């Protein structure tokens, strides 16, 4: 399965760990939300452009304004 994601400005706590909500969809068009706690790159890669892009956040959709805790795995 492939999922295309875009980071949002919304950050939630998963226990004691902060997670940014990313929104996107699968190749078949199913909308998804991902709770990302970490993103890593190969240490030998030039990550300057990647770091710049990570700073560009979109406002979250209204779908993620309130998330019931029981929906988070």
Protein backbone atom coordinates (compact mmCIF):
# COMPACT_ATOMS: atom_id res chain seq x y z
CA UNK A 1 0.00 0.00 0.00
CA UNK A 2 1.18 3.52 -0.73
CA UNK A 3 0.01 6.55 1.22
CA UNK A 4 0.72 10.18 0.35
CA UNK A 5 0.87 12.40 3.44
CA UNK A 6 1.11 16.12 4.17
CA UNK A 7 2.10 17.47 7.56
CA UNK A 8 -0.28 19.71 9.49
CA UNK A 9 0.26 22.16 12.31
CA UNK A 10 -1.73 19.99 14.75
CA UNK A 11 0.26 18.25 17.49
CA UNK A 12 -1.31 15.83 19.98
CA UNK A 13 0.07 13.75 22.84
CA UNK A 14 0.25 9.96 22.56
CA UNK A 15 0.82 9.15 26.19
CA UNK A 16 3.81 11.35 26.99
CA UNK A 17 5.05 11.57 23.40
CA UNK A 18 4.09 14.48 21.11
CA UNK A 19 2.94 13.48 17.63
CA UNK A 20 2.20 15.66 14.62
CA UNK A 21 -0.93 14.75 12.68
CA UNK A 22 -0.32 14.21 8.97
CA UNK A 23 -3.24 13.92 6.55
CA UNK A 24 -3.35 12.14 3.24
CA UNK A 25 -4.81 9.36 1.20
CA UNK A 26 -4.03 5.95 -0.20
CA UNK A 27 -3.57 5.26 -3.89
CA UNK A 28 -7.20 4.17 -4.01
CA UNK A 29 -8.40 7.47 -2.52
CA UNK A 30 -9.08 6.46 1.09
CA UNK A 31 -8.48 9.45 3.39
CA UNK A 32 -6.18 8.72 6.33
CA UNK A 33 -4.59 10.46 9.29
CA UNK A 34 -1.16 9.50 10.61
CA UNK A 35 0.27 10.36 14.01
CA UNK A 36 3.99 10.84 13.40
CA UNK A 37 6.33 10.98 16.37
CA UNK A 38 9.65 10.84 14.52
CA UNK A 39 11.02 11.22 10.98
CA UNK A 40 14.56 10.12 10.14
CA UNK A 41 16.84 10.27 7.13
CA UNK A 42 20.05 8.55 6.19
CA UNK A 43 22.89 10.42 7.93
CA UNK A 44 24.88 10.57 4.67
CA UNK A 45 22.11 12.44 2.81
CA UNK A 46 21.89 16.24 2.52
CA UNK A 47 18.80 16.87 4.64
CA UNK A 48 18.67 20.67 4.37
CA UNK A 49 15.79 20.69 1.86
CA UNK A 50 13.95 18.00 3.82
CA UNK A 51 14.24 20.01 7.05
CA UNK A 52 12.97 23.11 5.25
CA UNK A 53 9.95 21.23 3.90
CA UNK A 54 9.15 19.85 7.36
CA UNK A 55 8.71 23.42 8.61
CA UNK A 56 5.95 24.05 6.04
CA UNK A 57 2.73 22.94 7.74
CA UNK A 58 -0.85 23.24 6.58
CA UNK A 59 -3.76 23.85 8.93
CA UNK A 60 -5.47 20.58 9.85
CA UNK A 61 -8.85 19.74 8.37
CA UNK A 62 -11.86 19.79 10.65
CA UNK A 63 -11.68 15.96 10.65
CA UNK A 64 -8.75 16.09 13.07
CA UNK A 65 -9.85 18.92 15.34
CA UNK A 66 -10.97 16.43 18.00
CA UNK A 67 -9.69 12.87 18.07
CA UNK A 68 -11.15 10.35 20.52
CA UNK A 69 -8.31 8.58 22.36
CA UNK A 70 -9.78 5.14 21.57
CA UNK A 71 -9.11 5.69 17.84
CA UNK A 72 -5.37 5.99 18.40
CA UNK A 73 -3.61 2.61 18.29
